[in-house]
Amino acid sequence: VMSEFGRVKNLRLVRDIVTGASRGYAFVEFEAEREMRRAYMVLQSVYNFV
């Protein structure tokens, strides 16, 4: 999903320490700030992220 906005430099999927299941969120670092801003604006409007 994130690569459609630009080059992803780093991604950290947060998992439950006991079960290993996804906690439902991740941290994404893009190569360029403009890519991050575009992803933020688009995803905020689609998924109503804050």
PDB file of N, CA and C in Angstrom:
ATOM      1  N   VAL A   1       0.825  -1.193   0.000  1.00  0.00           N
ATOM      2  CA  VAL A   1       0.000   0.000   0.000  1.00  0.00           C
ATOM      3  C   VAL A   1       0.870   1.257   0.000  1.00  0.00           C
ATOM      4  N   MET A   2       1.873   1.304   0.846  1.00  0.00           N
ATOM      5  CA  MET A   2       2.679   2.519   0.981  1.00  0.00           C
ATOM      6  C   MET A   2       3.586   2.787  -0.212  1.00  0.00           C
ATOM      7  N   SER A   3       4.019   1.754  -0.900  1.00  0.00           N
ATOM      8  CA  SER A   3       4.945   1.956  -2.019  1.00  0.00           C
ATOM      9  C   SER A   3       4.295   2.703  -3.186  1.00  0.00           C
ATOM     10  N   GLU A   4       2.980   2.769  -3.236  1.00  0.00           N
ATOM     11  CA  GLU A   4       2.332   3.533  -4.308  1.00  0.00           C
ATOM     12  C   GLU A   4       2.564   5.040  -4.140  1.00  0.00           C
ATOM     13  N   PHE A   5       3.009   5.478  -2.967  1.00  0.00           N
ATOM     14  CA  PHE A   5       3.260   6.894  -2.715  1.00  0.00           C
ATOM     15  C   PHE A   5       4.716   7.270  -2.903  1.00  0.00           C
ATOM     16  N   GLY A   6       5.592   6.292  -3.008  1.00  0.00           N
ATOM     17  CA  GLY A   6       7.010   6.574  -3.188  1.00  0.00           C
ATOM     18  C   GLY A   6       7.862   5.454  -2.622  1.00  0.00           C
ATOM     19  N   ARG A   7       9.157   5.708  -2.576  1.00  0.00           N
ATOM     20  CA  ARG A   7      10.101   4.700  -2.087  1.00  0.00           C
ATOM     21  C   ARG A   7      10.066   4.630  -0.566  1.00  0.00           C
ATOM     22  N   VAL A   8       9.784   3.439  -0.052  1.00  0.00           N
ATOM     23  CA  VAL A   8       9.763   3.218   1.388  1.00  0.00           C
ATOM     24  C   VAL A   8      11.185   2.924   1.844  1.00  0.00           C
ATOM     25  N   LYS A   9      11.671   3.737   2.766  1.00  0.00           N
ATOM     26  CA  LYS A   9      13.028   3.582   3.293  1.00  0.00           C
ATOM     27  C   LYS A   9      13.057   2.552   4.420  1.00  0.00           C
ATOM     28  N   ASN A  10      12.035   2.571   5.265  1.00  0.00           N
ATOM     29  CA  ASN A  10      11.978   1.665   6.402  1.00  0.00           C
ATOM     30  C   ASN A  10      10.516   1.460   6.795  1.00  0.00           C
ATOM     31  N   LEU A  11      10.177   0.250   7.228  1.00  0.00           N
ATOM     32  CA  LEU A  11       8.830  -0.046   7.693  1.00  0.00           C
ATOM     33  C   LEU A  11       8.932  -0.945   8.915  1.00  0.00           C
ATOM     34  N   ARG A  12       8.217  -0.578   9.966  1.00  0.00           N
ATOM     35  CA  ARG A  12       8.206  -1.400  11.176  1.00  0.00           C
ATOM     36  C   ARG A  12       6.766  -1.741  11.512  1.00  0.00           C
ATOM     37  N   LEU A  13       6.408  -3.005  11.339  1.00  0.00           N
ATOM     38  CA  LEU A  13       5.083  -3.498  11.691  1.00  0.00           C
ATOM     39  C   LEU A  13       5.095  -3.849  13.169  1.00  0.00           C
ATOM     40  N   VAL A  14       4.187  -3.269  13.929  1.00  0.00           N
ATOM     41  CA  VAL A  14       4.144  -3.498  15.369  1.00  0.00           C
ATOM     42  C   VAL A  14       3.349  -4.769  15.640  1.00  0.00           C
ATOM     43  N   ARG A  15       3.965  -5.675  16.399  1.00  0.00           N
ATOM     44  CA  ARG A  15       3.354  -6.971  16.711  1.00  0.00           C
ATOM     45  C   ARG A  15       3.216  -7.161  18.214  1.00  0.00           C
ATOM     46  N   ASP A  16       2.255  -7.986  18.599  1.00  0.00           N
ATOM     47  CA  ASP A  16       2.081  -8.362  19.996  1.00  0.00           C
ATOM     48  C   ASP A  16       3.287  -9.171  20.444  1.00  0.00           C
ATOM     49  N   ILE A  17       3.842  -8.836  21.585  1.00  0.00           N
ATOM     50  CA  ILE A  17       5.064  -9.477  22.058  1.00  0.00           C
ATOM     51  C   ILE A  17       4.853 -10.958  22.402  1.00  0.00           C
ATOM     52  N   VAL A  18       3.645 -11.338  22.788  1.00  0.00           N
ATOM     53  CA  VAL A  18       3.363 -12.724  23.176  1.00  0.00           C
ATOM     54  C   VAL A  18       2.925 -13.564  21.981  1.00  0.00           C
ATOM     55  N   THR A  19       1.920 -13.083  21.241  1.00  0.00           N
ATOM     56  CA  THR A  19       1.346 -13.888  20.159  1.00  0.00           C
ATOM     57  C   THR A  19       2.025 -13.678  18.812  1.00  0.00           C
ATOM     58  N   GLY A  20       2.676 -12.541  18.636  1.00  0.00           N
ATOM     59  CA  GLY A  20       3.291 -12.229  17.352  1.00  0.00           C
ATOM     60  C   GLY A  20       2.309 -11.679  16.334  1.00  0.00           C
ATOM     61  N   ALA A  21       1.042 -11.543  16.731  1.00  0.00           N
ATOM     62  CA  ALA A  21       0.019 -11.016  15.827  1.00  0.00           C
ATOM     63  C   ALA A  21       0.191  -9.506  15.654  1.00  0.00           C
ATOM     64  N   SER A  22      -0.196  -9.013  14.502  1.00  0.00           N
ATOM     65  CA  SER A  22      -0.123  -7.579  14.237  1.00  0.00           C
ATOM     66  C   SER A  22      -0.994  -6.817  15.227  1.00  0.00           C
ATOM     67  N   ARG A  23      -0.504  -5.673  15.684  1.00  0.00           N
ATOM     68  CA  ARG A  23      -1.283  -4.823  16.586  1.00  0.00           C
ATOM     69  C   ARG A  23      -2.136  -3.836  15.794  1.00  0.00           C
ATOM     70  N   GLY A  24      -2.036  -3.860  14.465  1.00  0.00           N
ATOM     71  CA  GLY A  24      -2.908  -3.041  13.628  1.00  0.00           C
ATOM     72  C   GLY A  24      -2.321  -1.722  13.173  1.00  0.00           C
ATOM     73  N   TYR A  25      -1.030  -1.504  13.428  1.00  0.00           N
ATOM     74  CA  TYR A  25      -0.410  -0.271  12.945  1.00  0.00           C
ATOM     75  C   TYR A  25       1.064  -0.509  12.653  1.00  0.00           C
ATOM     76  N   ALA A  26       1.643   0.429  11.924  1.00  0.00           N
ATOM     77  CA  ALA A  26       3.052   0.312  11.541  1.00  0.00           C
ATOM     78  C   ALA A  26       3.656   1.711  11.460  1.00  0.00           C
ATOM     79  N   PHE A  27       4.972   1.774  11.488  1.00  0.00           N
ATOM     80  CA  PHE A  27       5.714   3.012  11.291  1.00  0.00           C
ATOM     81  C   PHE A  27       6.386   2.924   9.931  1.00  0.00           C
ATOM     82  N   VAL A  28       6.179   3.953   9.103  1.00  0.00           N
ATOM     83  CA  VAL A  28       6.714   3.953   7.743  1.00  0.00           C
ATOM     84  C   VAL A  28       7.602   5.174   7.560  1.00  0.00           C
ATOM     85  N   GLU A  29       8.783   4.958   6.987  1.00  0.00           N
ATOM     86  CA  GLU A  29       9.692   6.057   6.665  1.00  0.00           C
ATOM     87  C   GLU A  29       9.902   6.060   5.155  1.00  0.00           C
ATOM     88  N   PHE A  30       9.638   7.210   4.525  1.00  0.00           N
ATOM     89  CA  PHE A  30       9.812   7.351   3.086  1.00  0.00           C
ATOM     90  C   PHE A  30      11.165   7.974   2.775  1.00  0.00           C
ATOM     91  N   GLU A  31      11.616   7.800   1.537  1.00  0.00           N
ATOM     92  CA  GLU A  31      12.866   8.407   1.079  1.00  0.00           C
ATOM     93  C   GLU A  31      12.774   9.929   1.072  1.00  0.00           C
ATOM     94  N   ALA A  32      11.609  10.459   0.703  1.00  0.00           N
ATOM     95  CA  ALA A  32      11.457  11.913   0.574  1.00  0.00           C
ATOM     96  C   ALA A  32      10.250  12.407   1.369  1.00  0.00           C
ATOM     97  N   GLU A  33      10.377  13.601   1.899  1.00  0.00           N
ATOM     98  CA  GLU A  33       9.295  14.182   2.693  1.00  0.00           C
ATOM     99  C   GLU A  33       8.022  14.368   1.868  1.00  0.00           C
ATOM    100  N   ARG A  34       8.157  14.743   0.600  1.00  0.00           N
ATOM    101  CA  ARG A  34       6.962  14.962  -0.236  1.00  0.00           C
ATOM    102  C   ARG A  34       6.154  13.674  -0.388  1.00  0.00           C
ATOM    103  N   GLU A  35       6.826  12.522  -0.418  1.00  0.00           N
ATOM    104  CA  GLU A  35       6.135  11.236  -0.510  1.00  0.00           C
ATOM    105  C   GLU A  35       5.349  10.966   0.770  1.00  0.00           C
ATOM    106  N   MET A  36       5.956  11.290   1.909  1.00  0.00           N
ATOM    107  CA  MET A  36       5.287  11.116   3.195  1.00  0.00           C
ATOM    108  C   MET A  36       4.053  11.998   3.270  1.00  0.00           C
ATOM    109  N   ARG A  37       4.194  13.242   2.840  1.00  0.00           N
ATOM    110  CA  ARG A  37       3.063  14.175   2.902  1.00  0.00           C
ATOM    111  C   ARG A  37       1.916  13.719   1.999  1.00  0.00           C
ATOM    112  N   ARG A  38       2.244  13.219   0.828  1.00  0.00           N
ATOM    113  CA  ARG A  38       1.205  12.727  -0.091  1.00  0.00           C
ATOM    114  C   ARG A  38       0.482  11.530   0.511  1.00  0.00           C
ATOM    115  N   ALA A  39       1.230  10.585   1.064  1.00  0.00           N
ATOM    116  CA  ALA A  39       0.627   9.411   1.701  1.00  0.00           C
ATOM    117  C   ALA A  39      -0.282   9.840   2.846  1.00  0.00           C
ATOM    118  N   TYR A  40       0.186  10.764   3.656  1.00  0.00           N
ATOM    119  CA  TYR A  40      -0.607  11.255   4.786  1.00  0.00           C
ATOM    120  C   TYR A  40      -1.924  11.855   4.312  1.00  0.00           C
ATOM    121  N   MET A  41      -1.864  12.735   3.321  1.00  0.00           N
ATOM    122  CA  MET A  41      -3.071  13.410   2.849  1.00  0.00           C
ATOM    123  C   MET A  41      -4.074  12.426   2.245  1.00  0.00           C
ATOM    124  N   VAL A  42      -3.592  11.514   1.419  1.00  0.00           N
ATOM    125  CA  VAL A  42      -4.489  10.550   0.768  1.00  0.00           C
ATOM    126  C   VAL A  42      -5.089   9.595   1.793  1.00  0.00           C
ATOM    127  N   LEU A  43      -4.259   9.011   2.638  1.00  0.00           N
ATOM    128  CA  LEU A  43      -4.752   8.021   3.597  1.00  0.00           C
ATOM    129  C   LEU A  43      -5.617   8.646   4.678  1.00  0.00           C
ATOM    130  N   GLN A  44      -5.340   9.878   5.035  1.00  0.00           N
ATOM    131  CA  GLN A  44      -6.180  10.560   6.017  1.00  0.00           C
ATOM    132  C   GLN A  44      -7.598  10.716   5.478  1.00  0.00           C
ATOM    133  N   SER A  45      -7.728  11.049   4.209  1.00  0.00           N
ATOM    134  CA  SER A  45      -9.057  11.235   3.633  1.00  0.00           C
ATOM    135  C   SER A  45      -9.769   9.905   3.395  1.00  0.00           C
ATOM    136  N   VAL A  46      -9.020   8.854   3.074  1.00  0.00           N
ATOM    137  CA  VAL A  46      -9.629   7.552   2.789  1.00  0.00           C
ATOM    138  C   VAL A  46     -10.004   6.817   4.070  1.00  0.00           C
ATOM    139  N   TYR A  47      -9.069   6.752   5.011  1.00  0.00           N
ATOM    140  CA  TYR A  47      -9.268   5.962   6.224  1.00  0.00           C
ATOM    141  C   TYR A  47      -9.586   6.801   7.447  1.00  0.00           C
ATOM    142  N   ASN A  48      -9.667   8.122   7.276  1.00  0.00           N
ATOM    143  CA  ASN A  48      -9.951   9.051   8.360  1.00  0.00           C
ATOM    144  C   ASN A  48      -8.917   8.950   9.477  1.00  0.00           C
ATOM    145  N   PHE A  49      -7.638   8.785   9.080  1.00  0.00           N
ATOM    146  CA  PHE A  49      -6.549   8.777  10.050  1.00  0.00           C
ATOM    147  C   PHE A  49      -6.374  10.176  10.604  1.00  0.00           C
ATOM    148  N   VAL A  50      -5.861  10.265  11.789  1.00  0.00           N
ATOM    149  CA  VAL A  50      -5.588  11.573  12.410  1.00  0.00           C
ATOM    150  C   VAL A  50      -4.160  11.961  12.173  1.00  0.00           C
TER     151      VAL A  50
END
